[in-house]
Structure formats: structure tokens, C-alpha cells
Amino acid sequence: MGGAMRSLDDIELKALKLFASGRTADEMAIALGMSRSAAQYYLRLAARKLGARNRVHAVAIAVELGLVKSVGRLP
């Protein structure tokens, strides 16, 4: 994390929140009003800006930073 972290744009944060809530790439794309590949691009960009190893790690970092609410335990 640390110095490698950069602030997220609104679209990157929205993509990250959608992913954190369990949305698929197709569902994210619909919610964001863009193509599936564009939605995945913004999610990868958010992960990179947070210094995450992958998308799941990006969610963990975002929860720690208070950017995303913890979804709690899934049934």
C-alpha cells in the first residue's frame, strides 16, 4: 500500500464497490453503463492504484481504508 496508492476516480470506486457487493462483470457493466471489458478495466485500474495484488485484495484494502463497506459474512 503506502506510497504506491493513488486516489480513485469516481468510476473506479463505483466498479470496486460493485465488485465488492458480489456483482459479476456483466452486472457491473450494466450498472456502470459500459461494456464488460471497460468495467473490468476500471476494476483493474482501481486495484493497481491501491497497490493490490488482485481484485479481491483491492476490496480488502478498500474496506480497511473505509472506501467500501464490509459486506459481512455471506450465507
PDB file of N, CA and C in Angstrom:
ATOM      1  N   MET A   1       0.851  -1.176   0.000  1.00  0.00           N
ATOM      2  CA  MET A   1       0.000   0.000   0.000  1.00  0.00           C
ATOM      3  C   MET A   1       0.887   1.227   0.000  1.00  0.00           C
ATOM      4  N   GLY A   2       0.800   2.003   1.067  1.00  0.00           N
ATOM      5  CA  GLY A   2       1.692   3.129   1.273  1.00  0.00           C
ATOM      6  C   GLY A   2       1.760   4.113   0.136  1.00  0.00           C
ATOM      7  N   GLY A   3       2.991   4.459  -0.282  1.00  0.00           N
ATOM      8  CA  GLY A   3       3.224   5.482  -1.272  1.00  0.00           C
ATOM      9  C   GLY A   3       2.736   5.130  -2.658  1.00  0.00           C
ATOM     10  N   ALA A   4       2.554   3.851  -2.949  1.00  0.00           N
ATOM     11  CA  ALA A   4       2.108   3.448  -4.271  1.00  0.00           C
ATOM     12  C   ALA A   4       0.622   3.741  -4.483  1.00  0.00           C
ATOM     13  N   MET A   5      -0.101   4.020  -3.405  1.00  0.00           N
ATOM     14  CA  MET A   5      -1.531   4.230  -3.516  1.00  0.00           C
ATOM     15  C   MET A   5      -1.834   5.611  -4.090  1.00  0.00           C
ATOM     16  N   ARG A   6      -2.741   5.638  -5.043  1.00  0.00           N
ATOM     17  CA  ARG A   6      -3.224   6.892  -5.616  1.00  0.00           C
ATOM     18  C   ARG A   6      -4.730   6.952  -5.440  1.00  0.00           C
ATOM     19  N   SER A   7      -5.287   8.145  -5.482  1.00  0.00           N
ATOM     20  CA  SER A   7      -6.728   8.277  -5.275  1.00  0.00           C
ATOM     21  C   SER A   7      -7.495   7.690  -6.457  1.00  0.00           C
ATOM     22  N   LEU A   8      -8.671   7.159  -6.132  1.00  0.00           N
ATOM     23  CA  LEU A   8      -9.507   6.537  -7.142  1.00  0.00           C
ATOM     24  C   LEU A   8     -10.467   7.559  -7.738  1.00  0.00           C
ATOM     25  N   ASP A   9     -10.687   7.450  -9.039  1.00  0.00           N
ATOM     26  CA  ASP A   9     -11.714   8.251  -9.697  1.00  0.00           C
ATOM     27  C   ASP A   9     -13.072   7.689  -9.300  1.00  0.00           C
ATOM     28  N   ASP A  10     -14.129   8.461  -9.529  1.00  0.00           N
ATOM     29  CA  ASP A  10     -15.483   8.015  -9.188  1.00  0.00           C
ATOM     30  C   ASP A  10     -15.833   6.687  -9.857  1.00  0.00           C
ATOM     31  N   ILE A  11     -15.514   6.541 -11.122  1.00  0.00           N
ATOM     32  CA  ILE A  11     -15.881   5.327 -11.862  1.00  0.00           C
ATOM     33  C   ILE A  11     -15.117   4.110 -11.328  1.00  0.00           C
ATOM     34  N   GLU A  12     -13.862   4.308 -10.949  1.00  0.00           N
ATOM     35  CA  GLU A  12     -13.074   3.209 -10.382  1.00  0.00           C
ATOM     36  C   GLU A  12     -13.649   2.780  -9.035  1.00  0.00           C
ATOM     37  N   LEU A  13     -14.039   3.745  -8.230  1.00  0.00           N
ATOM     38  CA  LEU A  13     -14.629   3.442  -6.934  1.00  0.00           C
ATOM     39  C   LEU A  13     -15.967   2.730  -7.096  1.00  0.00           C
ATOM     40  N   LYS A  14     -16.778   3.173  -8.052  1.00  0.00           N
ATOM     41  CA  LYS A  14     -18.054   2.513  -8.308  1.00  0.00           C
ATOM     42  C   LYS A  14     -17.836   1.067  -8.737  1.00  0.00           C
ATOM     43  N   ALA A  15     -16.879   0.836  -9.625  1.00  0.00           N
ATOM     44  CA  ALA A  15     -16.581  -0.528 -10.079  1.00  0.00           C
ATOM     45  C   ALA A  15     -16.134  -1.389  -8.904  1.00  0.00           C
ATOM     46  N   LEU A  16     -15.299  -0.848  -8.057  1.00  0.00           N
ATOM     47  CA  LEU A  16     -14.811  -1.576  -6.895  1.00  0.00           C
ATOM     48  C   LEU A  16     -15.949  -1.906  -5.931  1.00  0.00           C
ATOM     49  N   LYS A  17     -16.842  -0.951  -5.700  1.00  0.00           N
ATOM     50  CA  LYS A  17     -17.982  -1.198  -4.812  1.00  0.00           C
ATOM     51  C   LYS A  17     -18.910  -2.266  -5.381  1.00  0.00           C
ATOM     52  N   LEU A  18     -19.140  -2.221  -6.673  1.00  0.00           N
ATOM     53  CA  LEU A  18     -19.993  -3.231  -7.305  1.00  0.00           C
ATOM     54  C   LEU A  18     -19.367  -4.616  -7.180  1.00  0.00           C
ATOM     55  N   PHE A  19     -18.079  -4.710  -7.427  1.00  0.00           N
ATOM     56  CA  PHE A  19     -17.380  -5.987  -7.304  1.00  0.00           C
ATOM     57  C   PHE A  19     -17.426  -6.480  -5.869  1.00  0.00           C
ATOM     58  N   ALA A  20     -17.223  -5.576  -4.922  1.00  0.00           N
ATOM     59  CA  ALA A  20     -17.247  -5.938  -3.504  1.00  0.00           C
ATOM     60  C   ALA A  20     -18.617  -6.452  -3.082  1.00  0.00           C
ATOM     61  N   SER A  21     -19.666  -5.989  -3.748  1.00  0.00           N
ATOM     62  CA  SER A  21     -21.017  -6.422  -3.399  1.00  0.00           C
ATOM     63  C   SER A  21     -21.400  -7.732  -4.085  1.00  0.00           C
ATOM     64  N   GLY A  22     -20.469  -8.299  -4.846  1.00  0.00           N
ATOM     65  CA  GLY A  22     -20.706  -9.607  -5.455  1.00  0.00           C
ATOM     66  C   GLY A  22     -21.224  -9.575  -6.876  1.00  0.00           C
ATOM     67  N   ARG A  23     -21.221  -8.415  -7.494  1.00  0.00           N
ATOM     68  CA  ARG A  23     -21.699  -8.315  -8.876  1.00  0.00           C
ATOM     69  C   ARG A  23     -20.733  -8.982  -9.841  1.00  0.00           C
ATOM     70  N   THR A  24     -21.278  -9.585 -10.885  1.00  0.00           N
ATOM     71  CA  THR A  24     -20.459 -10.169 -11.946  1.00  0.00           C
ATOM     72  C   THR A  24     -19.979  -9.041 -12.862  1.00  0.00           C
ATOM     73  N   ALA A  25     -19.064  -9.369 -13.745  1.00  0.00           N
ATOM     74  CA  ALA A  25     -18.557  -8.373 -14.692  1.00  0.00           C
ATOM     75  C   ALA A  25     -19.692  -7.846 -15.564  1.00  0.00           C
ATOM     76  N   ASP A  26     -20.590  -8.728 -15.989  1.00  0.00           N
ATOM     77  CA  ASP A  26     -21.716  -8.295 -16.816  1.00  0.00           C
ATOM     78  C   ASP A  26     -22.659  -7.372 -16.038  1.00  0.00           C
ATOM     79  N   GLU A  27     -22.921  -7.701 -14.778  1.00  0.00           N
ATOM     80  CA  GLU A  27     -23.778  -6.862 -13.942  1.00  0.00           C
ATOM     81  C   GLU A  27     -23.126  -5.513 -13.667  1.00  0.00           C
ATOM     82  N   MET A  28     -21.804  -5.528 -13.453  1.00  0.00           N
ATOM     83  CA  MET A  28     -21.078  -4.273 -13.259  1.00  0.00           C
ATOM     84  C   MET A  28     -21.196  -3.395 -14.501  1.00  0.00           C
ATOM     85  N   ALA A  29     -21.034  -4.006 -15.663  1.00  0.00           N
ATOM     86  CA  ALA A  29     -21.098  -3.272 -16.921  1.00  0.00           C
ATOM     87  C   ALA A  29     -22.458  -2.594 -17.095  1.00  0.00           C
ATOM     88  N   ILE A  30     -23.523  -3.333 -16.797  1.00  0.00           N
ATOM     89  CA  ILE A  30     -24.870  -2.770 -16.917  1.00  0.00           C
ATOM     90  C   ILE A  30     -25.042  -1.610 -15.943  1.00  0.00           C
ATOM     91  N   ALA A  31     -24.628  -1.812 -14.697  1.00  0.00           N
ATOM     92  CA  ALA A  31     -24.777  -0.772 -13.671  1.00  0.00           C
ATOM     93  C   ALA A  31     -23.968   0.479 -14.015  1.00  0.00           C
ATOM     94  N   LEU A  32     -22.820   0.289 -14.649  1.00  0.00           N
ATOM     95  CA  LEU A  32     -21.955   1.415 -14.983  1.00  0.00           C
ATOM     96  C   LEU A  32     -22.268   2.009 -16.352  1.00  0.00           C
ATOM     97  N   GLY A  33     -23.104   1.319 -17.134  1.00  0.00           N
ATOM     98  CA  GLY A  33     -23.465   1.814 -18.457  1.00  0.00           C
ATOM     99  C   GLY A  33     -22.329   1.743 -19.448  1.00  0.00           C
ATOM    100  N   MET A  34     -21.586   0.638 -19.401  1.00  0.00           N
ATOM    101  CA  MET A  34     -20.442   0.481 -20.299  1.00  0.00           C
ATOM    102  C   MET A  34     -20.268  -0.977 -20.666  1.00  0.00           C
ATOM    103  N   SER A  35     -19.296  -1.257 -21.499  1.00  0.00           N
ATOM    104  CA  SER A  35     -19.040  -2.636 -21.896  1.00  0.00           C
ATOM    105  C   SER A  35     -18.419  -3.425 -20.746  1.00  0.00           C
ATOM    106  N   ARG A  36     -18.500  -4.738 -20.866  1.00  0.00           N
ATOM    107  CA  ARG A  36     -17.925  -5.623 -19.857  1.00  0.00           C
ATOM    108  C   ARG A  36     -16.422  -5.382 -19.729  1.00  0.00           C
ATOM    109  N   SER A  37     -15.749  -5.266 -20.867  1.00  0.00           N
ATOM    110  CA  SER A  37     -14.292  -5.070 -20.833  1.00  0.00           C
ATOM    111  C   SER A  37     -13.926  -3.726 -20.206  1.00  0.00           C
ATOM    112  N   ALA A  38     -14.726  -2.703 -20.438  1.00  0.00           N
ATOM    113  CA  ALA A  38     -14.458  -1.398 -19.826  1.00  0.00           C
ATOM    114  C   ALA A  38     -14.642  -1.471 -18.311  1.00  0.00           C
ATOM    115  N   ALA A  39     -15.691  -2.155 -17.860  1.00  0.00           N
ATOM    116  CA  ALA A  39     -15.928  -2.309 -16.418  1.00  0.00           C
ATOM    117  C   ALA A  39     -14.759  -3.052 -15.773  1.00  0.00           C
ATOM    118  N   GLN A  40     -14.287  -4.098 -16.419  1.00  0.00           N
ATOM    119  CA  GLN A  40     -13.152  -4.854 -15.888  1.00  0.00           C
ATOM    120  C   GLN A  40     -11.885  -4.005 -15.885  1.00  0.00           C
ATOM    121  N   TYR A  41     -11.716  -3.172 -16.897  1.00  0.00           N
ATOM    122  CA  TYR A  41     -10.567  -2.277 -16.966  1.00  0.00           C
ATOM    123  C   TYR A  41     -10.539  -1.337 -15.753  1.00  0.00           C
ATOM    124  N   TYR A  42     -11.689  -0.726 -15.437  1.00  0.00           N
ATOM    125  CA  TYR A  42     -11.737   0.200 -14.306  1.00  0.00           C
ATOM    126  C   TYR A  42     -11.498  -0.508 -12.978  1.00  0.00           C
ATOM    127  N   LEU A  43     -11.948  -1.736 -12.878  1.00  0.00           N
ATOM    128  CA  LEU A  43     -11.698  -2.513 -11.667  1.00  0.00           C
ATOM    129  C   LEU A  43     -10.205  -2.823 -11.534  1.00  0.00           C
ATOM    130  N   ARG A  44      -9.570  -3.216 -12.631  1.00  0.00           N
ATOM    131  CA  ARG A  44      -8.119  -3.473 -12.609  1.00  0.00           C
ATOM    132  C   ARG A  44      -7.345  -2.198 -12.297  1.00  0.00           C
ATOM    133  N   LEU A  45      -7.790  -1.084 -12.844  1.00  0.00           N
ATOM    134  CA  LEU A  45      -7.126   0.196 -12.595  1.00  0.00           C
ATOM    135  C   LEU A  45      -7.231   0.575 -11.117  1.00  0.00           C
ATOM    136  N   ALA A  46      -8.406   0.348 -10.529  1.00  0.00           N
ATOM    137  CA  ALA A  46      -8.587   0.629  -9.101  1.00  0.00           C
ATOM    138  C   ALA A  46      -7.647  -0.241  -8.278  1.00  0.00           C
ATOM    139  N   ALA A  47      -7.553  -1.514  -8.624  1.00  0.00           N
ATOM    140  CA  ALA A  47      -6.664  -2.430  -7.898  1.00  0.00           C
ATOM    141  C   ALA A  47      -5.220  -1.959  -8.000  1.00  0.00           C
ATOM    142  N   ARG A  48      -4.812  -1.550  -9.184  1.00  0.00           N
ATOM    143  CA  ARG A  48      -3.446  -1.071  -9.397  1.00  0.00           C
ATOM    144  C   ARG A  48      -3.175   0.180  -8.570  1.00  0.00           C
ATOM    145  N   LYS A  49      -4.121   1.116  -8.570  1.00  0.00           N
ATOM    146  CA  LYS A  49      -3.942   2.355  -7.807  1.00  0.00           C
ATOM    147  C   LYS A  49      -3.848   2.100  -6.314  1.00  0.00           C
ATOM    148  N   LEU A  50      -4.532   1.064  -5.833  1.00  0.00           N
ATOM    149  CA  LEU A  50      -4.489   0.728  -4.412  1.00  0.00           C
ATOM    150  C   LEU A  50      -3.263  -0.110  -4.055  1.00  0.00           C
ATOM    151  N   GLY A  51      -2.495  -0.502  -5.054  1.00  0.00           N
ATOM    152  CA  GLY A  51      -1.318  -1.329  -4.815  1.00  0.00           C
ATOM    153  C   GLY A  51      -1.676  -2.763  -4.474  1.00  0.00           C
ATOM    154  N   ALA A  52      -2.830  -3.206  -4.955  1.00  0.00           N
ATOM    155  CA  ALA A  52      -3.317  -4.550  -4.643  1.00  0.00           C
ATOM    156  C   ALA A  52      -2.722  -5.588  -5.586  1.00  0.00           C
ATOM    157  N   ARG A  53      -2.629  -6.814  -5.080  1.00  0.00           N
ATOM    158  CA  ARG A  53      -2.133  -7.929  -5.891  1.00  0.00           C
ATOM    159  C   ARG A  53      -3.185  -8.437  -6.866  1.00  0.00           C
ATOM    160  N   ASN A  54      -4.460  -8.280  -6.508  1.00  0.00           N
ATOM    161  CA  ASN A  54      -5.556  -8.728  -7.359  1.00  0.00           C
ATOM    162  C   ASN A  54      -6.821  -7.985  -6.939  1.00  0.00           C
ATOM    163  N   ARG A  55      -7.942  -8.325  -7.574  1.00  0.00           N
ATOM    164  CA  ARG A  55      -9.188  -7.611  -7.300  1.00  0.00           C
ATOM    165  C   ARG A  55      -9.703  -7.846  -5.885  1.00  0.00           C
ATOM    166  N   VAL A  56      -9.559  -9.071  -5.405  1.00  0.00           N
ATOM    167  CA  VAL A  56     -10.019  -9.377  -4.051  1.00  0.00           C
ATOM    168  C   VAL A  56      -9.183  -8.614  -3.029  1.00  0.00           C
ATOM    169  N   HIS A  57      -7.882  -8.551  -3.248  1.00  0.00           N
ATOM    170  CA  HIS A  57      -7.009  -7.786  -2.362  1.00  0.00           C
ATOM    171  C   HIS A  57      -7.390  -6.306  -2.408  1.00  0.00           C
ATOM    172  N   ALA A  58      -7.787  -5.821  -3.582  1.00  0.00           N
ATOM    173  CA  ALA A  58      -8.215  -4.424  -3.714  1.00  0.00           C
ATOM    174  C   ALA A  58      -9.431  -4.150  -2.839  1.00  0.00           C
ATOM    175  N   VAL A  59     -10.363  -5.092  -2.788  1.00  0.00           N
ATOM    176  CA  VAL A  59     -11.543  -4.928  -1.931  1.00  0.00           C
ATOM    177  C   VAL A  59     -11.115  -4.885  -0.471  1.00  0.00           C
ATOM    178  N   ALA A  60     -10.212  -5.775  -0.075  1.00  0.00           N
ATOM    179  CA  ALA A  60      -9.737  -5.799   1.316  1.00  0.00           C
ATOM    180  C   ALA A  60      -9.088  -4.468   1.687  1.00  0.00           C
ATOM    181  N   ILE A  61      -8.280  -3.925   0.802  1.00  0.00           N
ATOM    182  CA  ILE A  61      -7.630  -2.636   1.052  1.00  0.00           C
ATOM    183  C   ILE A  61      -8.687  -1.534   1.147  1.00  0.00           C
ATOM    184  N   ALA A  62      -9.641  -1.558   0.236  1.00  0.00           N
ATOM    185  CA  ALA A  62     -10.689  -0.532   0.229  1.00  0.00           C
ATOM    186  C   ALA A  62     -11.525  -0.581   1.506  1.00  0.00           C
ATOM    187  N   VAL A  63     -11.782  -1.780   2.026  1.00  0.00           N
ATOM    188  CA  VAL A  63     -12.522  -1.909   3.286  1.00  0.00           C
ATOM    189  C   VAL A  63     -11.692  -1.320   4.425  1.00  0.00           C
ATOM    190  N   GLU A  64     -10.400  -1.648   4.462  1.00  0.00           N
ATOM    191  CA  GLU A  64      -9.512  -1.112   5.500  1.00  0.00           C
ATOM    192  C   GLU A  64      -9.477   0.413   5.474  1.00  0.00           C
ATOM    193  N   LEU A  65      -9.514   0.980   4.278  1.00  0.00           N
ATOM    194  CA  LEU A  65      -9.440   2.434   4.132  1.00  0.00           C
ATOM    195  C   LEU A  65     -10.791   3.115   4.310  1.00  0.00           C
ATOM    196  N   GLY A  66     -11.850   2.318   4.450  1.00  0.00           N
ATOM    197  CA  GLY A  66     -13.182   2.879   4.611  1.00  0.00           C
ATOM    198  C   GLY A  66     -13.818   3.349   3.313  1.00  0.00           C
ATOM    199  N   LEU A  67     -13.254   2.929   2.190  1.00  0.00           N
ATOM    200  CA  LEU A  67     -13.804   3.309   0.882  1.00  0.00           C
ATOM    201  C   LEU A  67     -15.008   2.443   0.520  1.00  0.00           C
ATOM    202  N   VAL A  68     -15.014   1.226   1.035  1.00  0.00           N
ATOM    203  CA  VAL A  68     -16.057   0.241   0.747  1.00  0.00           C
ATOM    204  C   VAL A  68     -16.512  -0.341   2.066  1.00  0.00           C
ATOM    205  N   LYS A  69     -17.823  -0.500   2.236  1.00  0.00           N
ATOM    206  CA  LYS A  69     -18.348  -1.128   3.438  1.00  0.00           C
ATOM    207  C   LYS A  69     -18.079  -2.626   3.385  1.00  0.00           C
ATOM    208  N   SER A  70     -17.775  -3.184   4.531  1.00  0.00           N
ATOM    209  CA  SER A  70     -17.607  -4.621   4.633  1.00  0.00           C
ATOM    210  C   SER A  70     -18.962  -5.272   4.389  1.00  0.00           C
ATOM    211  N   VAL A  71     -18.973  -6.297   3.546  1.00  0.00           N
ATOM    212  CA  VAL A  71     -20.223  -6.959   3.226  1.00  0.00           C
ATOM    213  C   VAL A  71     -20.600  -7.992   4.278  1.00  0.00           C
ATOM    214  N   GLY A  72     -19.720  -8.249   5.203  1.00  0.00           N
ATOM    215  CA  GLY A  72     -20.004  -9.223   6.252  1.00  0.00           C
ATOM    216  C   GLY A  72     -19.946 -10.634   5.735  1.00  0.00           C
ATOM    217  N   ARG A  73     -20.494 -11.514   6.490  1.00  0.00           N
ATOM    218  CA  ARG A  73     -20.449 -12.927   6.144  1.00  0.00           C
ATOM    219  C   ARG A  73     -21.587 -13.277   5.205  1.00  0.00           C
ATOM    220  N   LEU A  74     -21.246 -13.946   4.115  1.00  0.00           N
ATOM    221  CA  LEU A  74     -22.251 -14.349   3.138  1.00  0.00           C
ATOM    222  C   LEU A  74     -22.863 -15.680   3.593  1.00  0.00           C
ATOM    223  N   PRO A  75     -24.138 -15.890   3.260  1.00  0.00           N
ATOM    224  CA  PRO A  75     -24.805 -17.138   3.680  1.00  0.00           C
ATOM    225  C   PRO A  75     -24.221 -18.353   3.011  1.00  0.00           C
TER     226      PRO A  75
END
